[in-house]
Amino acid sequence: MNPMSAWDELSSIVTVLTGCAVALLALGCLWPNPRPTLQPRRPRHPHGPTPRPRHPHQPHGPTPSSCSPPPKPFTLTTAHRDMQLHRDHTCARKRAAFAALVAAGHITPDSYRPWRHP
């Protein structure tokens, strides 16, 4: 008998491994795959983005009395909260909250819009 040379052994091993890889690839392509279930899309608000829920302390939104300037300077927490509560309009309270956040370095005013300290 003729013993196999090292080259013949190596080519036999590579051929067997390649055949296994092709068989696994064919099996993976032919295997039944259930379609992923798609989540239903949330309906969009007809006039823009979905409205965010109001702050729990003011469930019906800001009132005219809540838009007046604060009696004492804002803390950072109350300034952030009032900026969120008054995000839909501009009032004296929102301007004071904005000024407090600018002074604390939490907001940088837009350079394209005029801004003045209240």
C-alpha atoms as a PDB file:
ATOM      1  CA  MET A   1       0.000   0.000   0.000  1.00  0.00           C
ATOM      2  CA  ASN A   2       0.990   3.477  -0.706  1.00  0.00           C
ATOM      3  CA  PRO A   3       1.089   5.717   2.362  1.00  0.00           C
ATOM      4  CA  MET A   4      -0.527   9.170   1.916  1.00  0.00           C
ATOM      5  CA  SER A   5       1.750  12.120   1.771  1.00  0.00           C
ATOM      6  CA  ALA A   6       1.270  15.019   4.152  1.00  0.00           C
ATOM      7  CA  TRP A   7      -0.172  17.110   1.333  1.00  0.00           C
ATOM      8  CA  ASP A   8      -2.802  14.463   0.542  1.00  0.00           C
ATOM      9  CA  GLU A   9      -3.810  14.228   4.210  1.00  0.00           C
ATOM     10  CA  LEU A  10      -4.133  17.998   4.546  1.00  0.00           C
ATOM     11  CA  SER A  11      -6.208  18.316   1.373  1.00  0.00           C
ATOM     12  CA  SER A  12      -8.497  15.491   2.557  1.00  0.00           C
ATOM     13  CA  ILE A  13      -9.089  17.235   5.896  1.00  0.00           C
ATOM     14  CA  VAL A  14      -9.797  20.591   4.222  1.00  0.00           C
ATOM     15  CA  THR A  15     -12.194  18.888   1.764  1.00  0.00           C
ATOM     16  CA  VAL A  16     -14.137  17.198   4.578  1.00  0.00           C
ATOM     17  CA  LEU A  17     -14.357  20.425   6.605  1.00  0.00           C
ATOM     18  CA  THR A  18     -15.494  22.409   3.552  1.00  0.00           C
ATOM     19  CA  GLY A  19     -18.169  19.785   2.820  1.00  0.00           C
ATOM     20  CA  CYS A  20     -19.419  20.048   6.424  1.00  0.00           C
ATOM     21  CA  ALA A  21     -19.558  23.852   6.192  1.00  0.00           C
ATOM     22  CA  VAL A  22     -21.533  23.704   2.914  1.00  0.00           C
ATOM     23  CA  ALA A  23     -23.942  21.167   4.428  1.00  0.00           C
ATOM     24  CA  LEU A  24     -24.513  23.352   7.509  1.00  0.00           C
ATOM     25  CA  LEU A  25     -25.046  26.420   5.348  1.00  0.00           C
ATOM     26  CA  ALA A  26     -27.587  24.601   3.173  1.00  0.00           C
ATOM     27  CA  LEU A  27     -29.357  23.263   6.238  1.00  0.00           C
ATOM     28  CA  GLY A  28     -29.502  26.753   7.761  1.00  0.00           C
ATOM     29  CA  CYS A  29     -30.972  28.230   4.582  1.00  0.00           C
ATOM     30  CA  LEU A  30     -33.581  25.515   4.174  1.00  0.00           C
ATOM     31  CA  TRP A  31     -34.587  25.242   7.846  1.00  0.00           C
ATOM     32  CA  PRO A  32     -38.063  26.712   8.480  1.00  0.00           C
ATOM     33  CA  ASN A  33     -37.713  30.048  10.223  1.00  0.00           C
ATOM     34  CA  PRO A  34     -40.771  31.544  11.935  1.00  0.00           C
ATOM     35  CA  ARG A  35     -41.320  35.185  11.041  1.00  0.00           C
ATOM     36  CA  PRO A  36     -40.627  37.588  13.882  1.00  0.00           C
ATOM     37  CA  THR A  37     -43.736  39.179  15.303  1.00  0.00           C
ATOM     38  CA  LEU A  38     -43.805  42.910  14.765  1.00  0.00           C
ATOM     39  CA  GLN A  39     -44.944  45.193  17.539  1.00  0.00           C
ATOM     40  CA  PRO A  40     -47.836  47.451  16.552  1.00  0.00           C
ATOM     41  CA  ARG A  41     -46.827  51.074  16.073  1.00  0.00           C
ATOM     42  CA  ARG A  42     -48.057  53.614  18.551  1.00  0.00           C
ATOM     43  CA  PRO A  43     -50.470  56.031  16.918  1.00  0.00           C
ATOM     44  CA  ARG A  44     -49.065  59.496  16.413  1.00  0.00           C
ATOM     45  CA  HIS A  45     -50.731  62.615  17.593  1.00  0.00           C
ATOM     46  CA  PRO A  46     -52.483  64.170  14.558  1.00  0.00           C
ATOM     47  CA  HIS A  47     -50.939  67.606  15.139  1.00  0.00           C
ATOM     48  CA  GLY A  48     -47.332  66.761  15.894  1.00  0.00           C
ATOM     49  CA  PRO A  49     -45.464  64.717  18.498  1.00  0.00           C
ATOM     50  CA  THR A  50     -47.304  62.759  21.146  1.00  0.00           C
ATOM     51  CA  PRO A  51     -48.077  65.092  24.052  1.00  0.00           C
ATOM     52  CA  ARG A  52     -46.082  64.391  27.183  1.00  0.00           C
ATOM     53  CA  PRO A  53     -47.881  63.898  30.488  1.00  0.00           C
ATOM     54  CA  ARG A  54     -48.123  66.937  32.697  1.00  0.00           C
ATOM     55  CA  HIS A  55     -46.109  67.346  35.867  1.00  0.00           C
ATOM     56  CA  PRO A  56     -47.824  65.550  38.814  1.00  0.00           C
ATOM     57  CA  HIS A  57     -47.988  68.754  40.867  1.00  0.00           C
ATOM     58  CA  GLN A  58     -49.871  70.567  38.103  1.00  0.00           C
ATOM     59  CA  PRO A  59     -52.016  67.969  36.307  1.00  0.00           C
ATOM     60  CA  HIS A  60     -53.922  70.561  34.261  1.00  0.00           C
ATOM     61  CA  GLY A  61     -50.920  72.629  33.204  1.00  0.00           C
ATOM     62  CA  PRO A  62     -49.723  76.030  34.336  1.00  0.00           C
ATOM     63  CA  THR A  63     -52.308  78.551  35.477  1.00  0.00           C
ATOM     64  CA  PRO A  64     -52.054  82.336  35.067  1.00  0.00           C
ATOM     65  CA  SER A  65     -51.107  82.651  38.725  1.00  0.00           C
ATOM     66  CA  SER A  66     -48.311  80.092  38.304  1.00  0.00           C
ATOM     67  CA  CYS A  67     -46.809  82.156  35.458  1.00  0.00           C
ATOM     68  CA  SER A  68     -45.975  85.115  37.698  1.00  0.00           C
ATOM     69  CA  PRO A  69     -42.352  85.693  38.706  1.00  0.00           C
ATOM     70  CA  PRO A  70     -41.218  83.752  41.772  1.00  0.00           C
ATOM     71  CA  PRO A  71     -41.198  85.525  45.149  1.00  0.00           C
ATOM     72  CA  LYS A  72     -37.685  84.242  45.916  1.00  0.00           C
ATOM     73  CA  PRO A  73     -34.784  83.090  43.687  1.00  0.00           C
ATOM     74  CA  PHE A  74     -35.025  79.675  42.104  1.00  0.00           C
ATOM     75  CA  THR A  75     -33.079  76.633  43.214  1.00  0.00           C
ATOM     76  CA  LEU A  76     -31.726  74.510  40.373  1.00  0.00           C
ATOM     77  CA  THR A  77     -34.374  71.851  40.995  1.00  0.00           C
ATOM     78  CA  THR A  78     -37.289  74.283  40.890  1.00  0.00           C
ATOM     79  CA  ALA A  79     -35.805  76.072  37.863  1.00  0.00           C
ATOM     80  CA  HIS A  80     -35.600  72.774  35.941  1.00  0.00           C
ATOM     81  CA  ARG A  81     -39.138  71.831  36.974  1.00  0.00           C
ATOM     82  CA  ASP A  82     -40.597  75.199  35.991  1.00  0.00           C
ATOM     83  CA  MET A  83     -38.831  75.135  32.612  1.00  0.00           C
ATOM     84  CA  GLN A  84     -40.542  71.788  31.984  1.00  0.00           C
ATOM     85  CA  LEU A  85     -43.940  72.980  33.227  1.00  0.00           C
ATOM     86  CA  HIS A  86     -43.876  76.143  31.119  1.00  0.00           C
ATOM     87  CA  ARG A  87     -42.295  74.597  28.007  1.00  0.00           C
ATOM     88  CA  ASP A  88     -45.313  75.386  25.804  1.00  0.00           C
ATOM     89  CA  HIS A  89     -45.254  79.149  26.262  1.00  0.00           C
ATOM     90  CA  THR A  90     -43.096  82.062  27.399  1.00  0.00           C
ATOM     91  CA  CYS A  91     -43.884  83.786  30.691  1.00  0.00           C
ATOM     92  CA  ALA A  92     -42.100  85.661  33.476  1.00  0.00           C
ATOM     93  CA  ARG A  93     -41.621  82.479  35.518  1.00  0.00           C
ATOM     94  CA  LYS A  94     -40.007  80.627  32.612  1.00  0.00           C
ATOM     95  CA  ARG A  95     -37.711  83.590  31.912  1.00  0.00           C
ATOM     96  CA  ALA A  96     -36.645  83.677  35.578  1.00  0.00           C
ATOM     97  CA  ALA A  97     -36.026  79.914  35.578  1.00  0.00           C
ATOM     98  CA  PHE A  98     -34.005  80.248  32.367  1.00  0.00           C
ATOM     99  CA  ALA A  99     -31.918  83.046  33.888  1.00  0.00           C
ATOM    100  CA  ALA A 100     -31.239  80.922  37.004  1.00  0.00           C
ATOM    101  CA  LEU A 101     -30.093  77.989  34.855  1.00  0.00           C
ATOM    102  CA  VAL A 102     -27.882  80.250  32.732  1.00  0.00           C
ATOM    103  CA  ALA A 103     -26.323  81.762  35.863  1.00  0.00           C
ATOM    104  CA  ALA A 104     -25.635  78.263  37.223  1.00  0.00           C
ATOM    105  CA  GLY A 105     -24.069  77.180  33.928  1.00  0.00           C
ATOM    106  CA  HIS A 106     -26.689  74.493  33.186  1.00  0.00           C
ATOM    107  CA  ILE A 107     -27.914  76.170  29.983  1.00  0.00           C
ATOM    108  CA  THR A 108     -26.027  78.124  27.342  1.00  0.00           C
ATOM    109  CA  PRO A 109     -28.239  80.642  25.547  1.00  0.00           C
ATOM    110  CA  ASP A 110     -28.572  80.229  21.815  1.00  0.00           C
ATOM    111  CA  SER A 111     -26.262  82.751  20.117  1.00  0.00           C
ATOM    112  CA  TYR A 112     -28.721  83.278  17.241  1.00  0.00           C
ATOM    113  CA  ARG A 113     -31.606  84.438  19.395  1.00  0.00           C
ATOM    114  CA  PRO A 114     -31.638  87.626  21.402  1.00  0.00           C
ATOM    115  CA  TRP A 115     -31.628  86.992  25.128  1.00  0.00           C
ATOM    116  CA  ARG A 116     -31.638  89.477  27.926  1.00  0.00           C
ATOM    117  CA  HIS A 117     -31.584  88.981  31.650  1.00  0.00           C
ATOM    118  CA  PRO A 118     -35.087  89.543  33.124  1.00  0.00           C
END
